[in-house]
Amino acid sequence: MIHIPTIVVLAKAPVPGRVKTRLCPPLRPLDAAHLAAAALTDTLDCVARVRGVRHVLALDGSGVAVPASFEIVGQEDGDLGHRLDGVLTLSDGPTLVVGMDTPQLSTRLLLEALDRLSKHDAVLGPAVDGGFWAIGLSEPGVRLFGDVPMSTPETGALTRSRLESLTLDTATLPMLRDVDTFADAVAVATAAPGSRFARAFETIMPALVQ
């Protein structure tokens, strides 16, 4: 049986004080949430442009408007690794998971990831900070993360080691920068000037220089 690929966006609802807290200071929690909302919208719109796949938003929280093609599901309880394992088993076929931290994401990159996933057991998109911005499995049923520590400079390398220990042939995607710190926000807004994220960042900057 041929299964339609699934792209999952793993995200938190952009609530002030709950998202992008490492941007504060210099940002206020409200401004950080505004940037998070823009980044999530950029990501959802990008995924929605990929045709012939299932679109899923795995959301921690509520109240997020999504393109019509998306299903919204909840996340499992537990740490990030446990929640990632949960969304990687949402489908019976190839599943690619991305976060809401890379608003510079392009449809071209997603198509490249799906193409590589059709030829390999897994894909991993490394992030500049040592983590990863995307992970995908060609077949469900493998819970990867276990005791792999999340949100550390070694997370990406340890995840790759786990994939290798499971003898999964893993393709590497291009490296992207997550928006975690203010310096990341500056860099990503500069790299993606036409994005909602960049426009939201521009509206915030005047208040920072007063």
C-alpha atoms as a PDB file:
ATOM      1  CA  MET A   1       0.000   0.000   0.000  1.00  0.00           C
ATOM      2  CA  ILE A   2       1.257   3.478  -0.907  1.00  0.00           C
ATOM      3  CA  HIS A   3       0.888   5.996   1.918  1.00  0.00           C
ATOM      4  CA  ILE A   4       0.599   9.736   1.402  1.00  0.00           C
ATOM      5  CA  PRO A   5       3.443  11.575   3.164  1.00  0.00           C
ATOM      6  CA  THR A   6       2.599  13.695   6.191  1.00  0.00           C
ATOM      7  CA  ILE A   7       4.185  16.997   7.178  1.00  0.00           C
ATOM      8  CA  VAL A   8       3.697  17.873  10.844  1.00  0.00           C
ATOM      9  CA  VAL A   9       4.303  21.322  12.302  1.00  0.00           C
ATOM     10  CA  LEU A  10       5.076  21.014  16.024  1.00  0.00           C
ATOM     11  CA  ALA A  11       4.170  24.288  17.734  1.00  0.00           C
ATOM     12  CA  LYS A  12       3.098  26.160  20.824  1.00  0.00           C
ATOM     13  CA  ALA A  13       0.250  28.626  20.729  1.00  0.00           C
ATOM     14  CA  PRO A  14       1.868  32.107  20.697  1.00  0.00           C
ATOM     15  CA  VAL A  15       0.894  33.159  24.217  1.00  0.00           C
ATOM     16  CA  PRO A  16       2.979  35.928  25.881  1.00  0.00           C
ATOM     17  CA  GLY A  17       5.228  34.480  28.539  1.00  0.00           C
ATOM     18  CA  ARG A  18       5.023  30.933  27.104  1.00  0.00           C
ATOM     19  CA  VAL A  19       6.840  31.298  23.793  1.00  0.00           C
ATOM     20  CA  LYS A  20      10.200  32.686  22.747  1.00  0.00           C
ATOM     21  CA  THR A  21      11.092  33.585  26.320  1.00  0.00           C
ATOM     22  CA  ARG A  22      14.809  33.675  25.450  1.00  0.00           C
ATOM     23  CA  LEU A  23      14.092  36.790  23.360  1.00  0.00           C
ATOM     24  CA  CYS A  24      13.235  38.642  26.587  1.00  0.00           C
ATOM     25  CA  PRO A  25      15.041  40.897  27.170  1.00  0.00           C
ATOM     26  CA  PRO A  26      15.485  42.909  25.027  1.00  0.00           C
ATOM     27  CA  LEU A  27      11.963  42.088  23.804  1.00  0.00           C
ATOM     28  CA  ARG A  28       8.846  42.218  25.935  1.00  0.00           C
ATOM     29  CA  PRO A  29       6.840  38.969  26.244  1.00  0.00           C
ATOM     30  CA  LEU A  30       4.083  40.470  24.082  1.00  0.00           C
ATOM     31  CA  ASP A  31       6.570  41.296  21.330  1.00  0.00           C
ATOM     32  CA  ALA A  32       8.132  37.833  21.535  1.00  0.00           C
ATOM     33  CA  ALA A  33       4.679  36.268  21.171  1.00  0.00           C
ATOM     34  CA  HIS A  34       4.012  38.537  18.188  1.00  0.00           C
ATOM     35  CA  LEU A  35       7.166  37.233  16.514  1.00  0.00           C
ATOM     36  CA  ALA A  36       6.228  33.655  17.374  1.00  0.00           C
ATOM     37  CA  ALA A  37       2.800  34.118  15.790  1.00  0.00           C
ATOM     38  CA  ALA A  38       4.394  35.487  12.621  1.00  0.00           C
ATOM     39  CA  ALA A  39       6.897  32.628  12.473  1.00  0.00           C
ATOM     40  CA  LEU A  40       4.121  30.066  12.908  1.00  0.00           C
ATOM     41  CA  THR A  41       2.028  31.661  10.171  1.00  0.00           C
ATOM     42  CA  ASP A  42       5.008  31.708   7.803  1.00  0.00           C
ATOM     43  CA  THR A  43       5.624  28.026   8.528  1.00  0.00           C
ATOM     44  CA  LEU A  44       1.998  26.950   8.105  1.00  0.00           C
ATOM     45  CA  ASP A  45       1.667  28.843   4.830  1.00  0.00           C
ATOM     46  CA  CYS A  46       4.881  27.290   3.537  1.00  0.00           C
ATOM     47  CA  VAL A  47       3.717  23.768   4.391  1.00  0.00           C
ATOM     48  CA  ALA A  48       0.271  24.430   2.904  1.00  0.00           C
ATOM     49  CA  ARG A  49       1.899  25.125  -0.466  1.00  0.00           C
ATOM     50  CA  VAL A  50       3.188  21.531  -0.617  1.00  0.00           C
ATOM     51  CA  ARG A  51       0.511  19.636  -2.510  1.00  0.00           C
ATOM     52  CA  GLY A  52      -0.325  15.950  -2.367  1.00  0.00           C
ATOM     53  CA  VAL A  53       0.606  15.496   1.287  1.00  0.00           C
ATOM     54  CA  ARG A  54      -1.254  15.462   4.581  1.00  0.00           C
ATOM     55  CA  HIS A  55      -0.834  18.666   6.624  1.00  0.00           C
ATOM     56  CA  VAL A  56      -0.961  18.436  10.424  1.00  0.00           C
ATOM     57  CA  LEU A  57      -0.464  21.022  13.156  1.00  0.00           C
ATOM     58  CA  ALA A  58       0.463  19.359  16.460  1.00  0.00           C
ATOM     59  CA  LEU A  59      -0.396  22.187  18.823  1.00  0.00           C
ATOM     60  CA  ASP A  60       0.359  22.821  22.472  1.00  0.00           C
ATOM     61  CA  GLY A  61      -2.457  25.222  23.314  1.00  0.00           C
ATOM     62  CA  SER A  62      -5.374  26.518  21.273  1.00  0.00           C
ATOM     63  CA  GLY A  63      -6.736  29.451  19.342  1.00  0.00           C
ATOM     64  CA  VAL A  64      -4.441  29.286  16.295  1.00  0.00           C
ATOM     65  CA  ALA A  65      -5.920  29.974  12.856  1.00  0.00           C
ATOM     66  CA  VAL A  66      -4.643  27.531  10.231  1.00  0.00           C
ATOM     67  CA  PRO A  67      -4.958  27.085   6.469  1.00  0.00           C
ATOM     68  CA  ALA A  68      -7.951  24.970   5.455  1.00  0.00           C
ATOM     69  CA  SER A  69      -5.820  21.960   4.505  1.00  0.00           C
ATOM     70  CA  PHE A  70      -4.549  21.420   8.055  1.00  0.00           C
ATOM     71  CA  GLU A  71      -5.690  18.999  10.702  1.00  0.00           C
ATOM     72  CA  ILE A  72      -5.051  20.113  14.282  1.00  0.00           C
ATOM     73  CA  VAL A  73      -4.047  17.512  16.854  1.00  0.00           C
ATOM     74  CA  GLY A  74      -2.827  17.772  20.422  1.00  0.00           C
ATOM     75  CA  GLN A  75       0.629  16.823  21.643  1.00  0.00           C
ATOM     76  CA  GLU A  76       1.452  14.035  24.055  1.00  0.00           C
ATOM     77  CA  ASP A  77       2.355  14.977  27.598  1.00  0.00           C
ATOM     78  CA  GLY A  78       6.018  14.941  28.527  1.00  0.00           C
ATOM     79  CA  ASP A  79       9.263  16.518  27.402  1.00  0.00           C
ATOM     80  CA  LEU A  80      10.095  17.561  23.850  1.00  0.00           C
ATOM     81  CA  GLY A  81      11.583  14.186  22.962  1.00  0.00           C
ATOM     82  CA  HIS A  82       8.431  12.396  24.065  1.00  0.00           C
ATOM     83  CA  ARG A  83       6.248  14.823  22.106  1.00  0.00           C
ATOM     84  CA  LEU A  84       8.391  14.361  18.987  1.00  0.00           C
ATOM     85  CA  ASP A  85       8.081  10.607  19.277  1.00  0.00           C
ATOM     86  CA  GLY A  86       4.328  11.065  19.515  1.00  0.00           C
ATOM     87  CA  VAL A  87       3.978  13.101  16.332  1.00  0.00           C
ATOM     88  CA  LEU A  88       6.326  10.800  14.409  1.00  0.00           C
ATOM     89  CA  THR A  89       3.742   8.055  14.895  1.00  0.00           C
ATOM     90  CA  LEU A  90       0.744  10.078  13.687  1.00  0.00           C
ATOM     91  CA  SER A  91       0.885   8.528  10.223  1.00  0.00           C
ATOM     92  CA  ASP A  92       1.151   5.078   8.672  1.00  0.00           C
ATOM     93  CA  GLY A  93       3.607   6.406   6.098  1.00  0.00           C
ATOM     94  CA  PRO A  94       6.481   8.838   5.611  1.00  0.00           C
ATOM     95  CA  THR A  95       6.351  11.628   8.189  1.00  0.00           C
ATOM     96  CA  LEU A  96       8.352  14.846   8.275  1.00  0.00           C
ATOM     97  CA  VAL A  97       8.256  17.025  11.400  1.00  0.00           C
ATOM     98  CA  VAL A  98       9.266  20.689  11.458  1.00  0.00           C
ATOM     99  CA  GLY A  99       9.007  23.300  14.187  1.00  0.00           C
ATOM    100  CA  MET A 100       7.797  26.897  14.214  1.00  0.00           C
ATOM    101  CA  ASP A 101      11.284  28.336  14.753  1.00  0.00           C
ATOM    102  CA  THR A 102      12.423  28.585  11.110  1.00  0.00           C
ATOM    103  CA  PRO A 103      10.186  31.125   9.331  1.00  0.00           C
ATOM    104  CA  GLN A 104      12.774  31.244   6.526  1.00  0.00           C
ATOM    105  CA  LEU A 105      11.668  27.708   5.570  1.00  0.00           C
ATOM    106  CA  SER A 106      10.832  27.308   1.878  1.00  0.00           C
ATOM    107  CA  THR A 107       8.612  24.984  -0.091  1.00  0.00           C
ATOM    108  CA  ARG A 108      11.700  23.981  -2.062  1.00  0.00           C
ATOM    109  CA  LEU A 109      13.364  22.751   1.132  1.00  0.00           C
ATOM    110  CA  LEU A 110      10.281  20.779   2.126  1.00  0.00           C
ATOM    111  CA  LEU A 111      10.074  19.142  -1.292  1.00  0.00           C
ATOM    112  CA  GLU A 112      13.770  18.291  -1.055  1.00  0.00           C
ATOM    113  CA  ALA A 113      13.198  16.745   2.378  1.00  0.00           C
ATOM    114  CA  LEU A 114      10.286  14.637   1.115  1.00  0.00           C
ATOM    115  CA  ASP A 115      12.272  13.505  -1.915  1.00  0.00           C
ATOM    116  CA  ARG A 116      15.148  12.381   0.288  1.00  0.00           C
ATOM    117  CA  LEU A 117      12.710  10.692   2.662  1.00  0.00           C
ATOM    118  CA  SER A 118      11.383   8.660  -0.283  1.00  0.00           C
ATOM    119  CA  LYS A 119      14.915   7.300  -0.822  1.00  0.00           C
ATOM    120  CA  HIS A 120      16.174   6.948   2.768  1.00  0.00           C
ATOM    121  CA  ASP A 121      14.941   5.605   6.096  1.00  0.00           C
ATOM    122  CA  ALA A 122      15.211   9.007   7.777  1.00  0.00           C
ATOM    123  CA  VAL A 123      16.132  12.644   7.245  1.00  0.00           C
ATOM    124  CA  LEU A 124      17.609  15.119   9.705  1.00  0.00           C
ATOM    125  CA  GLY A 125      17.913  18.883   9.232  1.00  0.00           C
ATOM    126  CA  PRO A 126      20.679  20.281  11.443  1.00  0.00           C
ATOM    127  CA  ALA A 127      20.329  23.676  13.104  1.00  0.00           C
ATOM    128  CA  VAL A 128      23.097  26.205  13.691  1.00  0.00           C
ATOM    129  CA  ASP A 129      22.755  25.859  17.473  1.00  0.00           C
ATOM    130  CA  GLY A 130      23.496  22.125  17.430  1.00  0.00           C
ATOM    131  CA  GLY A 131      19.880  20.963  17.426  1.00  0.00           C
ATOM    132  CA  PHE A 132      17.746  20.187  14.400  1.00  0.00           C
ATOM    133  CA  TRP A 133      14.951  21.963  12.533  1.00  0.00           C
ATOM    134  CA  ALA A 134      13.457  18.891  10.856  1.00  0.00           C
ATOM    135  CA  ILE A 135      13.321  15.155  11.345  1.00  0.00           C
ATOM    136  CA  GLY A 136      11.540  12.555   9.287  1.00  0.00           C
ATOM    137  CA  LEU A 137      11.004   8.807   9.148  1.00  0.00           C
ATOM    138  CA  SER A 138       9.970   6.833   6.078  1.00  0.00           C
ATOM    139  CA  GLU A 139       8.111   4.278   8.202  1.00  0.00           C
ATOM    140  CA  PRO A 140       6.308   4.786  11.531  1.00  0.00           C
ATOM    141  CA  GLY A 141       6.658   2.791  14.709  1.00  0.00           C
ATOM    142  CA  VAL A 142      10.131   3.818  15.896  1.00  0.00           C
ATOM    143  CA  ARG A 143      10.335   5.866  19.077  1.00  0.00           C
ATOM    144  CA  LEU A 144      13.652   7.585  18.713  1.00  0.00           C
ATOM    145  CA  PHE A 145      14.363   9.863  21.558  1.00  0.00           C
ATOM    146  CA  GLY A 146      14.202   8.032  24.868  1.00  0.00           C
ATOM    147  CA  ASP A 147      16.989   9.600  26.920  1.00  0.00           C
ATOM    148  CA  VAL A 148      18.296  11.893  24.145  1.00  0.00           C
ATOM    149  CA  PRO A 149      18.620  15.327  25.830  1.00  0.00           C
ATOM    150  CA  MET A 150      16.708  18.096  24.096  1.00  0.00           C
ATOM    151  CA  SER A 151      17.704  21.748  23.528  1.00  0.00           C
ATOM    152  CA  THR A 152      21.444  21.282  23.993  1.00  0.00           C
ATOM    153  CA  PRO A 153      24.349  21.882  21.590  1.00  0.00           C
ATOM    154  CA  GLU A 154      24.693  18.087  21.316  1.00  0.00           C
ATOM    155  CA  THR A 155      21.049  17.258  20.566  1.00  0.00           C
ATOM    156  CA  GLY A 156      21.504  17.017  16.803  1.00  0.00           C
ATOM    157  CA  ALA A 157      24.618  14.840  17.004  1.00  0.00           C
ATOM    158  CA  LEU A 158      23.049  12.563  19.618  1.00  0.00           C
ATOM    159  CA  THR A 159      19.892  12.223  17.532  1.00  0.00           C
ATOM    160  CA  ARG A 160      21.966  11.222  14.519  1.00  0.00           C
ATOM    161  CA  SER A 161      23.785   8.676  16.670  1.00  0.00           C
ATOM    162  CA  ARG A 162      20.443   7.243  17.759  1.00  0.00           C
ATOM    163  CA  LEU A 163      19.304   6.956  14.138  1.00  0.00           C
ATOM    164  CA  GLU A 164      22.568   5.209  13.256  1.00  0.00           C
ATOM    165  CA  SER A 165      22.247   2.850  16.227  1.00  0.00           C
ATOM    166  CA  LEU A 166      18.865   1.799  14.812  1.00  0.00           C
ATOM    167  CA  THR A 167      20.588   1.170  11.436  1.00  0.00           C
ATOM    168  CA  LEU A 168      18.414   3.801   9.757  1.00  0.00           C
ATOM    169  CA  ASP A 169      19.945   5.201   6.572  1.00  0.00           C
ATOM    170  CA  THR A 170      19.747   8.946   7.263  1.00  0.00           C
ATOM    171  CA  ALA A 171      19.994  11.796   4.744  1.00  0.00           C
ATOM    172  CA  THR A 172      21.169  15.213   5.918  1.00  0.00           C
ATOM    173  CA  LEU A 173      19.150  18.291   4.956  1.00  0.00           C
ATOM    174  CA  PRO A 174      20.599  21.817   4.611  1.00  0.00           C
ATOM    175  CA  MET A 175      21.386  23.603   7.863  1.00  0.00           C
ATOM    176  CA  LEU A 176      19.017  26.348   9.073  1.00  0.00           C
ATOM    177  CA  ARG A 177      19.039  28.768  11.995  1.00  0.00           C
ATOM    178  CA  ASP A 178      16.349  28.434  14.668  1.00  0.00           C
ATOM    179  CA  VAL A 179      14.996  31.622  16.215  1.00  0.00           C
ATOM    180  CA  ASP A 180      15.893  31.170  19.881  1.00  0.00           C
ATOM    181  CA  THR A 181      17.806  34.328  20.785  1.00  0.00           C
ATOM    182  CA  PHE A 182      17.593  37.974  19.753  1.00  0.00           C
ATOM    183  CA  ALA A 183      20.685  37.529  17.561  1.00  0.00           C
ATOM    184  CA  ASP A 184      18.898  34.648  15.813  1.00  0.00           C
ATOM    185  CA  ALA A 185      15.861  36.870  15.243  1.00  0.00           C
ATOM    186  CA  VAL A 186      18.014  39.566  13.650  1.00  0.00           C
ATOM    187  CA  ALA A 187      19.748  37.044  11.388  1.00  0.00           C
ATOM    188  CA  VAL A 188      16.556  35.300  10.264  1.00  0.00           C
ATOM    189  CA  ALA A 189      14.671  38.554   9.630  1.00  0.00           C
ATOM    190  CA  THR A 190      17.589  39.676   7.480  1.00  0.00           C
ATOM    191  CA  ALA A 191      17.720  36.366   5.601  1.00  0.00           C
ATOM    192  CA  ALA A 192      13.963  36.303   4.888  1.00  0.00           C
ATOM    193  CA  PRO A 193      13.026  39.951   4.219  1.00  0.00           C
ATOM    194  CA  GLY A 194       9.674  39.130   2.618  1.00  0.00           C
ATOM    195  CA  SER A 195       8.394  37.000   5.479  1.00  0.00           C
ATOM    196  CA  ARG A 196       5.741  37.903   8.032  1.00  0.00           C
ATOM    197  CA  PHE A 197       8.430  37.329  10.631  1.00  0.00           C
ATOM    198  CA  ALA A 198      10.644  40.017   9.103  1.00  0.00           C
ATOM    199  CA  ARG A 199       7.755  42.469   8.876  1.00  0.00           C
ATOM    200  CA  ALA A 200       6.799  41.773  12.492  1.00  0.00           C
ATOM    201  CA  PHE A 201      10.411  42.286  13.534  1.00  0.00           C
ATOM    202  CA  GLU A 202      10.488  45.641  11.746  1.00  0.00           C
ATOM    203  CA  THR A 203       7.442  46.835  13.706  1.00  0.00           C
ATOM    204  CA  ILE A 204       9.143  45.935  16.988  1.00  0.00           C
ATOM    205  CA  MET A 205      12.546  47.487  16.335  1.00  0.00           C
ATOM    206  CA  PRO A 206      11.555  51.186  16.793  1.00  0.00           C
ATOM    207  CA  ALA A 207      10.528  50.536  20.405  1.00  0.00           C
ATOM    208  CA  LEU A 208      13.926  48.957  21.117  1.00  0.00           C
ATOM    209  CA  VAL A 209      15.919  51.998  20.065  1.00  0.00           C
ATOM    210  CA  GLN A 210      13.900  54.591  21.969  1.00  0.00           C
END
